[in-house]
Amino acid sequence: MKERSIVFVIYEGFQPLDLVGPHEVFQHAGQLAGGYRRLVVAPRSGPVSAASGLPVHAGYGMDEVDPEGVDTLVVAGGGGADHARLDAGLTGWIRDVGASARRVTSVCSGVFLLAAAGLLDGRRVTTHWAREQQLTREYPGVEVDCEPIFIRDGHVWTSAGVTAGMDLALALVEDDLGRDVAHAVAREMVMFLRRPGGQSQFSVALWSKEPATDPIRAAVSAIHADPGARHGIADLARSARLSPRHLQRRFTAELGMPPASYVERVRVEAAQRALAEGGDPVEAIARHCGFGTAETLRRTFYRHLGIAPSDYRARFRSTTTAHAELQQEQEHS
């Protein structure tokens, strides 16, 4: 493969893992198959302080790198992104790169620099879930979806926070060099659970409130222990040792949603995992995850994810199958 320049953009206050994680993915891929030249670029060359205070050396200032020579741009995120996007010289350089680069990508809040450069209008993007409202409010021309860990929209790829940048980089390597090389990189880096882009940024336990009392904790534990079991109000009330009416009121107050909505979300996530990681028919997954029929699963998937279960499997199975095989190899080694 012809050598490709992967340019990582950092600035004062960037998140170091947004740089180091993807950088090392490309480093390992280059060792295995060649073809990558990695450059760390900042507004000026020299030491750059990460948000944690860690000093990182930028080998190049932006004026030293020809925008037309960049194959893939990776813009790191971090608390400093809000200030960095006000640097007209930096966003102008990013805009120039975006006009000719084969791929433009961001990790976490690095997406704000792409937006400030005018590269995201009309595109669907993601970022760290905590930044969703800010990005939506400040850039109304951008479609923000903070459900997936990364999104590809044409030549623009955006990812969620921190470790999701490694998942993004691995997908870029797979796009360039194929599944076998990406698989080998995952194995070398012990990325035991390489995740598909459509996987949720957060589990139910993260996007919902935490139960505040033992009875509601018991009900939530019962749901997670077996998403496909019966979880009607009467069933959950028995687990919580409350009356159905009392359970409904306390569950909604403590978790911010009624029990039925919580159960449905847990079941959707269970079905997502089953579709991406296994080979069972959709009908069997629907029964196992508590939907009853494939048609009910299909309607629920469309409502939550905007995609049919069969399409979800087709889109994301290629990036999870490698990990299933990797897991089997490691278990038998």
C-alpha atoms as a PDB file:
ATOM      1  CA  MET A   1       0.000   0.000   0.000  1.00  0.00           C
ATOM      2  CA  LYS A   2       1.227   3.506  -0.805  1.00  0.00           C
ATOM      3  CA  GLU A   3       2.330   5.300   2.371  1.00  0.00           C
ATOM      4  CA  ARG A   4      -0.466   7.386   3.819  1.00  0.00           C
ATOM      5  CA  SER A   5      -0.023  10.332   6.174  1.00  0.00           C
ATOM      6  CA  ILE A   6      -2.137  10.066   9.307  1.00  0.00           C
ATOM      7  CA  VAL A   7      -2.113  13.487  10.956  1.00  0.00           C
ATOM      8  CA  PHE A   8      -3.128  13.866  14.596  1.00  0.00           C
ATOM      9  CA  VAL A   9      -4.125  17.378  15.710  1.00  0.00           C
ATOM     10  CA  ILE A  10      -3.533  18.384  19.329  1.00  0.00           C
ATOM     11  CA  TYR A  11      -3.685  21.693  21.218  1.00  0.00           C
ATOM     12  CA  GLU A  12      -3.411  22.979  24.770  1.00  0.00           C
ATOM     13  CA  GLY A  13      -5.841  21.048  26.991  1.00  0.00           C
ATOM     14  CA  PHE A  14      -6.373  18.043  24.716  1.00  0.00           C
ATOM     15  CA  GLN A  15      -7.246  14.596  26.095  1.00  0.00           C
ATOM     16  CA  PRO A  16      -4.045  12.493  25.807  1.00  0.00           C
ATOM     17  CA  LEU A  17      -5.851   9.190  25.302  1.00  0.00           C
ATOM     18  CA  ASP A  18      -7.587  10.677  22.250  1.00  0.00           C
ATOM     19  CA  LEU A  19      -4.126  10.924  20.703  1.00  0.00           C
ATOM     20  CA  VAL A  20      -2.245   7.951  22.110  1.00  0.00           C
ATOM     21  CA  GLY A  21      -4.962   5.312  21.617  1.00  0.00           C
ATOM     22  CA  PRO A  22      -5.584   5.877  17.880  1.00  0.00           C
ATOM     23  CA  HIS A  23      -1.882   6.628  17.289  1.00  0.00           C
ATOM     24  CA  GLU A  24      -0.895   3.213  18.653  1.00  0.00           C
ATOM     25  CA  VAL A  25      -3.532   1.435  16.568  1.00  0.00           C
ATOM     26  CA  PHE A  26      -1.994   2.895  13.415  1.00  0.00           C
ATOM     27  CA  GLN A  27       1.496   2.193  14.764  1.00  0.00           C
ATOM     28  CA  HIS A  28       0.754  -1.514  15.173  1.00  0.00           C
ATOM     29  CA  ALA A  29      -0.998  -1.674  11.804  1.00  0.00           C
ATOM     30  CA  GLY A  30       2.032  -0.066  10.185  1.00  0.00           C
ATOM     31  CA  GLN A  31       4.351  -2.597  11.770  1.00  0.00           C
ATOM     32  CA  LEU A  32       2.218  -5.438  10.467  1.00  0.00           C
ATOM     33  CA  ALA A  33       1.468  -4.202   6.962  1.00  0.00           C
ATOM     34  CA  GLY A  34       3.297  -0.917   6.407  1.00  0.00           C
ATOM     35  CA  GLY A  35       1.765   2.042   4.654  1.00  0.00           C
ATOM     36  CA  TYR A  36       1.326   4.582   7.448  1.00  0.00           C
ATOM     37  CA  ARG A  37       3.277   7.703   8.337  1.00  0.00           C
ATOM     38  CA  ARG A  38       2.092   9.279  11.595  1.00  0.00           C
ATOM     39  CA  LEU A  39       2.499  12.991  12.328  1.00  0.00           C
ATOM     40  CA  VAL A  40       1.507  14.835  15.498  1.00  0.00           C
ATOM     41  CA  VAL A  41       0.592  18.432  14.633  1.00  0.00           C
ATOM     42  CA  ALA A  42      -0.242  21.437  16.803  1.00  0.00           C
ATOM     43  CA  PRO A  43      -0.636  25.141  16.039  1.00  0.00           C
ATOM     44  CA  ARG A  44       3.107  25.303  16.755  1.00  0.00           C
ATOM     45  CA  SER A  45       5.661  22.524  17.059  1.00  0.00           C
ATOM     46  CA  GLY A  46       7.084  21.695  20.467  1.00  0.00           C
ATOM     47  CA  PRO A  47       5.632  20.798  23.881  1.00  0.00           C
ATOM     48  CA  VAL A  48       1.864  20.848  24.282  1.00  0.00           C
ATOM     49  CA  SER A  49       0.197  20.416  27.680  1.00  0.00           C
ATOM     50  CA  ALA A  50      -2.623  17.887  27.810  1.00  0.00           C
ATOM     51  CA  ALA A  51      -5.659  18.514  30.001  1.00  0.00           C
ATOM     52  CA  SER A  52      -4.060  16.368  32.703  1.00  0.00           C
ATOM     53  CA  GLY A  53      -0.851  18.403  32.565  1.00  0.00           C
ATOM     54  CA  LEU A  54       1.036  15.708  30.681  1.00  0.00           C
ATOM     55  CA  PRO A  55       3.516  17.352  28.270  1.00  0.00           C
ATOM     56  CA  VAL A  56       3.392  15.928  24.728  1.00  0.00           C
ATOM     57  CA  HIS A  57       5.769  16.896  21.929  1.00  0.00           C
ATOM     58  CA  ALA A  58       4.156  17.986  18.673  1.00  0.00           C
ATOM     59  CA  GLY A  59       6.650  17.184  15.955  1.00  0.00           C
ATOM     60  CA  TYR A  60       5.125  19.653  13.510  1.00  0.00           C
ATOM     61  CA  GLY A  61       3.400  23.006  13.512  1.00  0.00           C
ATOM     62  CA  MET A  62       0.417  23.261  11.207  1.00  0.00           C
ATOM     63  CA  ASP A  63       2.337  25.593   8.876  1.00  0.00           C
ATOM     64  CA  GLU A  64       4.875  22.814   8.323  1.00  0.00           C
ATOM     65  CA  VAL A  65       2.340  20.331   6.954  1.00  0.00           C
ATOM     66  CA  ASP A  66       0.883  20.653   3.462  1.00  0.00           C
ATOM     67  CA  PRO A  67      -2.909  20.165   3.731  1.00  0.00           C
ATOM     68  CA  GLU A  68      -2.953  18.420   0.357  1.00  0.00           C
ATOM     69  CA  GLY A  69      -0.536  15.781   1.619  1.00  0.00           C
ATOM     70  CA  VAL A  70      -2.806  14.572   4.422  1.00  0.00           C
ATOM     71  CA  ASP A  71      -4.598  11.281   3.867  1.00  0.00           C
ATOM     72  CA  THR A  72      -6.435  11.019   7.203  1.00  0.00           C
ATOM     73  CA  LEU A  73      -6.929  13.791   9.758  1.00  0.00           C
ATOM     74  CA  VAL A  74      -7.593  12.808  13.388  1.00  0.00           C
ATOM     75  CA  VAL A  75      -8.577  15.697  15.679  1.00  0.00           C
ATOM     76  CA  ALA A  76      -8.274  14.907  19.382  1.00  0.00           C
ATOM     77  CA  GLY A  77     -10.838  16.078  21.899  1.00  0.00           C
ATOM     78  CA  GLY A  78     -10.458  17.419  25.411  1.00  0.00           C
ATOM     79  CA  GLY A  79     -11.425  20.311  27.627  1.00  0.00           C
ATOM     80  CA  GLY A  80      -9.258  22.620  25.554  1.00  0.00           C
ATOM     81  CA  ALA A  81     -11.385  22.102  22.446  1.00  0.00           C
ATOM     82  CA  ASP A  82     -13.666  25.008  23.324  1.00  0.00           C
ATOM     83  CA  HIS A  83     -10.726  27.407  23.286  1.00  0.00           C
ATOM     84  CA  ALA A  84      -8.917  25.762  20.362  1.00  0.00           C
ATOM     85  CA  ARG A  85     -11.923  26.127  18.057  1.00  0.00           C
ATOM     86  CA  LEU A  86     -11.657  29.903  18.459  1.00  0.00           C
ATOM     87  CA  ASP A  87      -8.208  29.812  16.830  1.00  0.00           C
ATOM     88  CA  ALA A  88      -9.025  30.948  13.289  1.00  0.00           C
ATOM     89  CA  GLY A  89      -5.634  29.840  12.030  1.00  0.00           C
ATOM     90  CA  LEU A  90      -6.135  26.295  13.332  1.00  0.00           C
ATOM     91  CA  THR A  91      -9.723  25.903  12.115  1.00  0.00           C
ATOM     92  CA  GLY A  92      -8.761  27.414   8.762  1.00  0.00           C
ATOM     93  CA  TRP A  93      -5.980  24.858   8.389  1.00  0.00           C
ATOM     94  CA  ILE A  94      -8.395  22.063   9.332  1.00  0.00           C
ATOM     95  CA  ARG A  95     -10.813  23.388   6.703  1.00  0.00           C
ATOM     96  CA  ASP A  96      -8.059  23.311   4.080  1.00  0.00           C
ATOM     97  CA  VAL A  97      -7.157  19.747   5.028  1.00  0.00           C
ATOM     98  CA  GLY A  98     -10.810  18.720   4.883  1.00  0.00           C
ATOM     99  CA  ALA A  99     -11.057  19.957   1.310  1.00  0.00           C
ATOM    100  CA  SER A 100      -8.549  17.387   0.053  1.00  0.00           C
ATOM    101  CA  ALA A 101      -8.059  14.661   2.687  1.00  0.00           C
ATOM    102  CA  ARG A 102      -9.452  11.223   1.971  1.00  0.00           C
ATOM    103  CA  ARG A 103     -10.813  11.044   5.524  1.00  0.00           C
ATOM    104  CA  VAL A 104     -11.515  13.604   8.234  1.00  0.00           C
ATOM    105  CA  THR A 105     -12.082  12.245  11.726  1.00  0.00           C
ATOM    106  CA  SER A 106     -12.478  13.387  15.306  1.00  0.00           C
ATOM    107  CA  VAL A 107     -12.397  11.809  18.739  1.00  0.00           C
ATOM    108  CA  CYS A 108     -14.761  13.036  21.446  1.00  0.00           C
ATOM    109  CA  SER A 109     -15.010  16.850  21.542  1.00  0.00           C
ATOM    110  CA  GLY A 110     -12.578  17.164  18.640  1.00  0.00           C
ATOM    111  CA  VAL A 111     -15.806  17.282  16.636  1.00  0.00           C
ATOM    112  CA  PHE A 112     -16.208  20.914  17.762  1.00  0.00           C
ATOM    113  CA  LEU A 113     -13.111  21.883  15.773  1.00  0.00           C
ATOM    114  CA  LEU A 114     -14.500  20.143  12.683  1.00  0.00           C
ATOM    115  CA  ALA A 115     -17.791  21.984  13.174  1.00  0.00           C
ATOM    116  CA  ALA A 116     -16.019  25.316  13.646  1.00  0.00           C
ATOM    117  CA  ALA A 117     -14.125  24.626  10.423  1.00  0.00           C
ATOM    118  CA  GLY A 118     -17.439  24.243   8.577  1.00  0.00           C
ATOM    119  CA  LEU A 119     -16.904  20.573   7.718  1.00  0.00           C
ATOM    120  CA  LEU A 120     -20.007  19.098   9.335  1.00  0.00           C
ATOM    121  CA  ASP A 121     -23.026  20.980   7.979  1.00  0.00           C
ATOM    122  CA  GLY A 122     -25.730  18.493   7.019  1.00  0.00           C
ATOM    123  CA  ARG A 123     -23.744  15.534   8.350  1.00  0.00           C
ATOM    124  CA  ARG A 124     -24.601  13.022  11.052  1.00  0.00           C
ATOM    125  CA  VAL A 125     -21.976  12.947  13.799  1.00  0.00           C
ATOM    126  CA  THR A 126     -21.354  11.743  17.326  1.00  0.00           C
ATOM    127  CA  THR A 127     -19.342  12.935  20.307  1.00  0.00           C
ATOM    128  CA  HIS A 128     -19.114  12.232  24.028  1.00  0.00           C
ATOM    129  CA  TRP A 129     -22.640  11.975  25.402  1.00  0.00           C
ATOM    130  CA  ALA A 130     -21.987  14.796  27.895  1.00  0.00           C
ATOM    131  CA  ARG A 131     -21.380  17.198  24.984  1.00  0.00           C
ATOM    132  CA  GLU A 132     -24.477  16.300  22.957  1.00  0.00           C
ATOM    133  CA  GLN A 133     -26.667  19.221  24.013  1.00  0.00           C
ATOM    134  CA  GLN A 134     -23.875  21.763  23.560  1.00  0.00           C
ATOM    135  CA  LEU A 135     -23.042  20.519  20.065  1.00  0.00           C
ATOM    136  CA  THR A 136     -26.717  20.466  19.060  1.00  0.00           C
ATOM    137  CA  ARG A 137     -27.303  23.950  20.408  1.00  0.00           C
ATOM    138  CA  GLU A 138     -24.202  25.605  18.950  1.00  0.00           C
ATOM    139  CA  TYR A 139     -24.239  23.909  15.529  1.00  0.00           C
ATOM    140  CA  PRO A 140     -27.899  23.435  14.535  1.00  0.00           C
ATOM    141  CA  GLY A 141     -26.917  22.485  10.983  1.00  0.00           C
ATOM    142  CA  VAL A 142     -25.280  19.303  12.258  1.00  0.00           C
ATOM    143  CA  GLU A 143     -27.267  16.136  13.007  1.00  0.00           C
ATOM    144  CA  VAL A 144     -26.005  14.929  16.390  1.00  0.00           C
ATOM    145  CA  ASP A 145     -26.525  11.300  17.442  1.00  0.00           C
ATOM    146  CA  CYS A 146     -24.761  10.335  20.650  1.00  0.00           C
ATOM    147  CA  GLU A 147     -26.011   6.760  20.709  1.00  0.00           C
ATOM    148  CA  PRO A 148     -23.224   5.079  18.636  1.00  0.00           C
ATOM    149  CA  ILE A 149     -19.566   4.965  19.643  1.00  0.00           C
ATOM    150  CA  PHE A 150     -18.596   6.136  16.160  1.00  0.00           C
ATOM    151  CA  ILE A 151     -20.331   7.246  12.972  1.00  0.00           C
ATOM    152  CA  ARG A 152     -19.213   7.388   9.357  1.00  0.00           C
ATOM    153  CA  ASP A 153     -20.910   9.931   7.106  1.00  0.00           C
ATOM    154  CA  GLY A 154     -19.150   9.973   3.762  1.00  0.00           C
ATOM    155  CA  HIS A 155     -15.481  10.759   4.309  1.00  0.00           C
ATOM    156  CA  VAL A 156     -16.151  12.171   7.791  1.00  0.00           C
ATOM    157  CA  TRP A 157     -15.824   9.819  10.771  1.00  0.00           C
ATOM    158  CA  THR A 158     -16.595  10.958  14.330  1.00  0.00           C
ATOM    159  CA  SER A 159     -16.373   9.043  17.594  1.00  0.00           C
ATOM    160  CA  ALA A 160     -17.394   9.228  21.212  1.00  0.00           C
ATOM    161  CA  GLY A 161     -14.989   9.822  24.059  1.00  0.00           C
ATOM    162  CA  VAL A 162     -11.578   8.437  24.958  1.00  0.00           C
ATOM    163  CA  THR A 163     -11.457   4.665  24.316  1.00  0.00           C
ATOM    164  CA  ALA A 164     -13.978   4.951  21.471  1.00  0.00           C
ATOM    165  CA  GLY A 165     -11.167   6.603  19.525  1.00  0.00           C
ATOM    166  CA  MET A 166      -9.362   3.258  19.450  1.00  0.00           C
ATOM    167  CA  ASP A 167     -12.475   1.562  18.081  1.00  0.00           C
ATOM    168  CA  LEU A 168     -12.648   4.263  15.411  1.00  0.00           C
ATOM    169  CA  ALA A 169      -8.965   3.828  14.512  1.00  0.00           C
ATOM    170  CA  LEU A 170      -9.358   0.066  14.256  1.00  0.00           C
ATOM    171  CA  ALA A 171     -12.306   0.549  11.894  1.00  0.00           C
ATOM    172  CA  LEU A 172     -10.161   2.895   9.773  1.00  0.00           C
ATOM    173  CA  VAL A 173      -7.414   0.269   9.625  1.00  0.00           C
ATOM    174  CA  GLU A 174      -9.971  -2.350   8.602  1.00  0.00           C
ATOM    175  CA  ASP A 175     -11.217   0.028   5.904  1.00  0.00           C
ATOM    176  CA  ASP A 176      -7.644   0.384   4.586  1.00  0.00           C
ATOM    177  CA  LEU A 177      -6.055  -3.006   5.113  1.00  0.00           C
ATOM    178  CA  GLY A 178      -8.877  -5.470   5.636  1.00  0.00           C
ATOM    179  CA  ARG A 179     -10.248  -7.522   8.439  1.00  0.00           C
ATOM    180  CA  ASP A 180      -7.235  -9.793   8.898  1.00  0.00           C
ATOM    181  CA  VAL A 181      -4.874  -6.929   9.677  1.00  0.00           C
ATOM    182  CA  ALA A 182      -7.428  -5.253  11.954  1.00  0.00           C
ATOM    183  CA  HIS A 183      -7.895  -8.576  13.723  1.00  0.00           C
ATOM    184  CA  ALA A 184      -4.141  -8.937  14.195  1.00  0.00           C
ATOM    185  CA  VAL A 185      -3.881  -5.385  15.576  1.00  0.00           C
ATOM    186  CA  ALA A 186      -6.701  -6.076  18.037  1.00  0.00           C
ATOM    187  CA  ARG A 187      -4.946  -9.245  19.164  1.00  0.00           C
ATOM    188  CA  GLU A 188      -1.586  -7.493  19.531  1.00  0.00           C
ATOM    189  CA  MET A 189      -3.092  -4.653  21.556  1.00  0.00           C
ATOM    190  CA  VAL A 190      -5.317  -7.018  23.565  1.00  0.00           C
ATOM    191  CA  MET A 191      -8.374  -5.111  22.436  1.00  0.00           C
ATOM    192  CA  PHE A 192     -10.451  -8.016  23.611  1.00  0.00           C
ATOM    193  CA  LEU A 193     -13.797  -6.435  22.774  1.00  0.00           C
ATOM    194  CA  ARG A 194     -13.426  -4.509  19.538  1.00  0.00           C
ATOM    195  CA  ARG A 195     -16.804  -2.871  19.223  1.00  0.00           C
ATOM    196  CA  PRO A 196     -18.946  -2.073  16.182  1.00  0.00           C
ATOM    197  CA  GLY A 197     -19.670   1.574  15.530  1.00  0.00           C
ATOM    198  CA  GLY A 198     -23.368   1.189  16.223  1.00  0.00           C
ATOM    199  CA  GLN A 199     -22.851  -0.119  19.729  1.00  0.00           C
ATOM    200  CA  SER A 200     -24.238   2.229  22.341  1.00  0.00           C
ATOM    201  CA  GLN A 201     -21.844   4.649  24.045  1.00  0.00           C
ATOM    202  CA  PHE A 202     -23.309   3.718  27.353  1.00  0.00           C
ATOM    203  CA  SER A 203     -25.101   0.825  28.995  1.00  0.00           C
ATOM    204  CA  VAL A 204     -28.505   1.219  30.591  1.00  0.00           C
ATOM    205  CA  ALA A 205     -26.843   1.651  33.963  1.00  0.00           C
ATOM    206  CA  LEU A 206     -25.071   4.769  32.675  1.00  0.00           C
ATOM    207  CA  TRP A 207     -27.838   6.555  30.793  1.00  0.00           C
ATOM    208  CA  SER A 208     -30.432   5.993  33.479  1.00  0.00           C
ATOM    209  CA  LYS A 209     -30.346   7.164  37.063  1.00  0.00           C
ATOM    210  CA  GLU A 210     -29.076   4.789  39.730  1.00  0.00           C
ATOM    211  CA  PRO A 211     -31.703   3.197  41.978  1.00  0.00           C
ATOM    212  CA  ALA A 212     -31.732   4.890  45.359  1.00  0.00           C
ATOM    213  CA  THR A 213     -33.360   2.152  47.444  1.00  0.00           C
ATOM    214  CA  ASP A 214     -32.955  -1.592  47.851  1.00  0.00           C
ATOM    215  CA  PRO A 215     -36.428  -2.547  46.526  1.00  0.00           C
ATOM    216  CA  ILE A 216     -35.856  -0.751  43.216  1.00  0.00           C
ATOM    217  CA  ARG A 217     -32.311  -2.147  43.016  1.00  0.00           C
ATOM    218  CA  ALA A 218     -33.816  -5.613  43.322  1.00  0.00           C
ATOM    219  CA  ALA A 219     -36.224  -4.929  40.456  1.00  0.00           C
ATOM    220  CA  VAL A 220     -33.463  -3.538  38.241  1.00  0.00           C
ATOM    221  CA  SER A 221     -31.211  -6.511  39.028  1.00  0.00           C
ATOM    222  CA  ALA A 222     -33.988  -8.899  38.019  1.00  0.00           C
ATOM    223  CA  ILE A 223     -34.376  -7.152  34.657  1.00  0.00           C
ATOM    224  CA  HIS A 224     -30.661  -7.281  33.872  1.00  0.00           C
ATOM    225  CA  ALA A 225     -30.262 -10.859  35.060  1.00  0.00           C
ATOM    226  CA  ASP A 226     -32.687 -12.122  32.419  1.00  0.00           C
ATOM    227  CA  PRO A 227     -34.002  -9.482  29.990  1.00  0.00           C
ATOM    228  CA  GLY A 228     -36.222 -12.032  28.256  1.00  0.00           C
ATOM    229  CA  ALA A 229     -38.100 -13.100  31.382  1.00  0.00           C
ATOM    230  CA  ARG A 230     -41.521 -11.797  32.393  1.00  0.00           C
ATOM    231  CA  HIS A 231     -41.073  -8.264  33.735  1.00  0.00           C
ATOM    232  CA  GLY A 232     -44.583  -6.904  34.034  1.00  0.00           C
ATOM    233  CA  ILE A 233     -45.513  -4.618  36.909  1.00  0.00           C
ATOM    234  CA  ALA A 234     -46.728  -7.537  39.022  1.00  0.00           C
ATOM    235  CA  ASP A 235     -43.520  -9.514  38.391  1.00  0.00           C
ATOM    236  CA  LEU A 236     -41.250  -6.588  39.273  1.00  0.00           C
ATOM    237  CA  ALA A 237     -43.387  -5.767  42.302  1.00  0.00           C
ATOM    238  CA  ARG A 238     -42.768  -9.277  43.623  1.00  0.00           C
ATOM    239  CA  SER A 239     -39.002  -8.859  43.116  1.00  0.00           C
ATOM    240  CA  ALA A 240     -39.117  -5.518  44.951  1.00  0.00           C
ATOM    241  CA  ARG A 241     -41.599  -6.729  47.594  1.00  0.00           C
ATOM    242  CA  LEU A 242     -43.809  -3.756  46.920  1.00  0.00           C
ATOM    243  CA  SER A 243     -47.356  -3.354  45.702  1.00  0.00           C
ATOM    244  CA  PRO A 244     -47.628  -2.867  41.918  1.00  0.00           C
ATOM    245  CA  ARG A 245     -48.837   0.711  42.345  1.00  0.00           C
ATOM    246  CA  HIS A 246     -46.049   1.536  44.800  1.00  0.00           C
ATOM    247  CA  LEU A 247     -43.448  -0.091  42.511  1.00  0.00           C
ATOM    248  CA  GLN A 248     -44.620   1.923  39.501  1.00  0.00           C
ATOM    249  CA  ARG A 249     -44.407   5.210  41.394  1.00  0.00           C
ATOM    250  CA  ARG A 250     -41.049   4.589  43.097  1.00  0.00           C
ATOM    251  CA  PHE A 251     -39.385   3.072  40.031  1.00  0.00           C
ATOM    252  CA  THR A 252     -40.344   6.075  37.894  1.00  0.00           C
ATOM    253  CA  ALA A 253     -39.263   8.547  40.562  1.00  0.00           C
ATOM    254  CA  GLU A 254     -35.877   6.913  41.170  1.00  0.00           C
ATOM    255  CA  LEU A 255     -34.889   6.048  37.582  1.00  0.00           C
ATOM    256  CA  GLY A 256     -36.617   8.806  35.655  1.00  0.00           C
ATOM    257  CA  MET A 257     -38.657   6.453  33.470  1.00  0.00           C
ATOM    258  CA  PRO A 258     -41.471   3.931  33.962  1.00  0.00           C
ATOM    259  CA  PRO A 259     -40.608   0.242  34.374  1.00  0.00           C
ATOM    260  CA  ALA A 260     -41.942  -0.730  30.937  1.00  0.00           C
ATOM    261  CA  SER A 261     -39.641   1.752  29.189  1.00  0.00           C
ATOM    262  CA  TYR A 262     -36.640   0.557  31.183  1.00  0.00           C
ATOM    263  CA  VAL A 263     -37.362  -3.092  30.401  1.00  0.00           C
ATOM    264  CA  GLU A 264     -37.723  -2.330  26.699  1.00  0.00           C
ATOM    265  CA  ARG A 265     -34.378  -0.504  26.575  1.00  0.00           C
ATOM    266  CA  VAL A 266     -32.585  -3.371  28.320  1.00  0.00           C
ATOM    267  CA  ARG A 267     -34.134  -5.845  25.885  1.00  0.00           C
ATOM    268  CA  VAL A 268     -33.097  -3.762  22.878  1.00  0.00           C
ATOM    269  CA  GLU A 269     -29.489  -3.730  24.086  1.00  0.00           C
ATOM    270  CA  ALA A 270     -29.600  -7.485  24.689  1.00  0.00           C
ATOM    271  CA  ALA A 271     -30.878  -7.997  21.135  1.00  0.00           C
ATOM    272  CA  GLN A 272     -28.159  -5.703  19.744  1.00  0.00           C
ATOM    273  CA  ARG A 273     -25.482  -7.822  21.387  1.00  0.00           C
ATOM    274  CA  ALA A 274     -27.053 -11.050  20.185  1.00  0.00           C
ATOM    275  CA  LEU A 275     -27.321  -9.812  16.591  1.00  0.00           C
ATOM    276  CA  ALA A 276     -23.759  -8.505  16.463  1.00  0.00           C
ATOM    277  CA  GLU A 277     -22.030 -11.324  18.310  1.00  0.00           C
ATOM    278  CA  GLY A 278     -23.994 -14.474  17.502  1.00  0.00           C
ATOM    279  CA  GLY A 279     -25.572 -16.351  14.643  1.00  0.00           C
ATOM    280  CA  ASP A 280     -29.022 -17.180  16.002  1.00  0.00           C
ATOM    281  CA  PRO A 281     -31.980 -16.406  13.723  1.00  0.00           C
ATOM    282  CA  VAL A 282     -33.805 -13.137  14.348  1.00  0.00           C
ATOM    283  CA  GLU A 283     -36.905 -15.081  15.424  1.00  0.00           C
ATOM    284  CA  ALA A 284     -34.921 -16.907  18.123  1.00  0.00           C
ATOM    285  CA  ILE A 285     -33.324 -13.676  19.345  1.00  0.00           C
ATOM    286  CA  ALA A 286     -36.737 -12.031  19.552  1.00  0.00           C
ATOM    287  CA  ARG A 287     -38.040 -14.850  21.760  1.00  0.00           C
ATOM    288  CA  HIS A 288     -34.915 -15.031  23.917  1.00  0.00           C
ATOM    289  CA  CYS A 289     -34.822 -11.266  24.535  1.00  0.00           C
ATOM    290  CA  GLY A 290     -38.472 -11.014  25.502  1.00  0.00           C
ATOM    291  CA  PHE A 291     -40.030  -9.554  22.338  1.00  0.00           C
ATOM    292  CA  GLY A 292     -42.061 -12.642  21.504  1.00  0.00           C
ATOM    293  CA  THR A 293     -42.039 -12.273  17.727  1.00  0.00           C
ATOM    294  CA  ALA A 294     -39.624 -11.050  15.081  1.00  0.00           C
ATOM    295  CA  GLU A 295     -42.182  -8.431  14.012  1.00  0.00           C
ATOM    296  CA  THR A 296     -42.322  -6.940  17.519  1.00  0.00           C
ATOM    297  CA  LEU A 297     -38.523  -6.851  17.621  1.00  0.00           C
ATOM    298  CA  ARG A 298     -38.446  -5.163  14.209  1.00  0.00           C
ATOM    299  CA  ARG A 299     -40.913  -2.440  15.235  1.00  0.00           C
ATOM    300  CA  THR A 300     -39.060  -1.802  18.499  1.00  0.00           C
ATOM    301  CA  PHE A 301     -35.696  -1.618  16.725  1.00  0.00           C
ATOM    302  CA  TYR A 302     -37.061   0.931  14.272  1.00  0.00           C
ATOM    303  CA  ARG A 303     -38.439   3.040  17.106  1.00  0.00           C
ATOM    304  CA  HIS A 304     -35.170   3.050  19.082  1.00  0.00           C
ATOM    305  CA  LEU A 305     -32.487   2.728  16.410  1.00  0.00           C
ATOM    306  CA  GLY A 306     -34.107   3.561  13.087  1.00  0.00           C
ATOM    307  CA  ILE A 307     -32.937   0.281  11.533  1.00  0.00           C
ATOM    308  CA  ALA A 308     -34.233  -3.267  11.062  1.00  0.00           C
ATOM    309  CA  PRO A 309     -32.612  -6.092  13.075  1.00  0.00           C
ATOM    310  CA  SER A 310     -31.408  -7.818   9.901  1.00  0.00           C
ATOM    311  CA  ASP A 311     -29.789  -4.601   8.655  1.00  0.00           C
ATOM    312  CA  TYR A 312     -28.189  -4.015  12.056  1.00  0.00           C
ATOM    313  CA  ARG A 313     -26.622  -7.472  11.903  1.00  0.00           C
ATOM    314  CA  ALA A 314     -25.399  -6.974   8.334  1.00  0.00           C
ATOM    315  CA  ARG A 315     -23.861  -3.608   9.199  1.00  0.00           C
ATOM    316  CA  PHE A 316     -22.091  -4.541  12.414  1.00  0.00           C
ATOM    317  CA  ARG A 317     -21.402  -8.241  12.341  1.00  0.00           C
ATOM    318  CA  SER A 318     -18.131  -7.977  10.340  1.00  0.00           C
ATOM    319  CA  THR A 319     -16.441  -5.976  13.082  1.00  0.00           C
ATOM    320  CA  THR A 320     -17.525  -8.255  15.926  1.00  0.00           C
ATOM    321  CA  THR A 321     -16.976 -11.643  14.320  1.00  0.00           C
ATOM    322  CA  ALA A 322     -13.223 -11.099  14.504  1.00  0.00           C
ATOM    323  CA  HIS A 323     -13.464 -10.618  18.233  1.00  0.00           C
ATOM    324  CA  ALA A 324     -15.500 -13.746  18.711  1.00  0.00           C
ATOM    325  CA  GLU A 325     -12.765 -15.662  16.941  1.00  0.00           C
ATOM    326  CA  LEU A 326     -10.112 -13.845  18.961  1.00  0.00           C
ATOM    327  CA  GLN A 327     -11.881 -14.733  22.181  1.00  0.00           C
ATOM    328  CA  GLN A 328     -11.996 -18.406  21.174  1.00  0.00           C
ATOM    329  CA  GLU A 329      -8.306 -18.365  20.325  1.00  0.00           C
ATOM    330  CA  GLN A 330      -7.403 -16.798  23.664  1.00  0.00           C
ATOM    331  CA  GLU A 331      -9.604 -19.197  25.624  1.00  0.00           C
ATOM    332  CA  HIS A 332      -7.942 -22.202  23.987  1.00  0.00           C
ATOM    333  CA  SER A 333      -4.367 -20.882  24.048  1.00  0.00           C
END
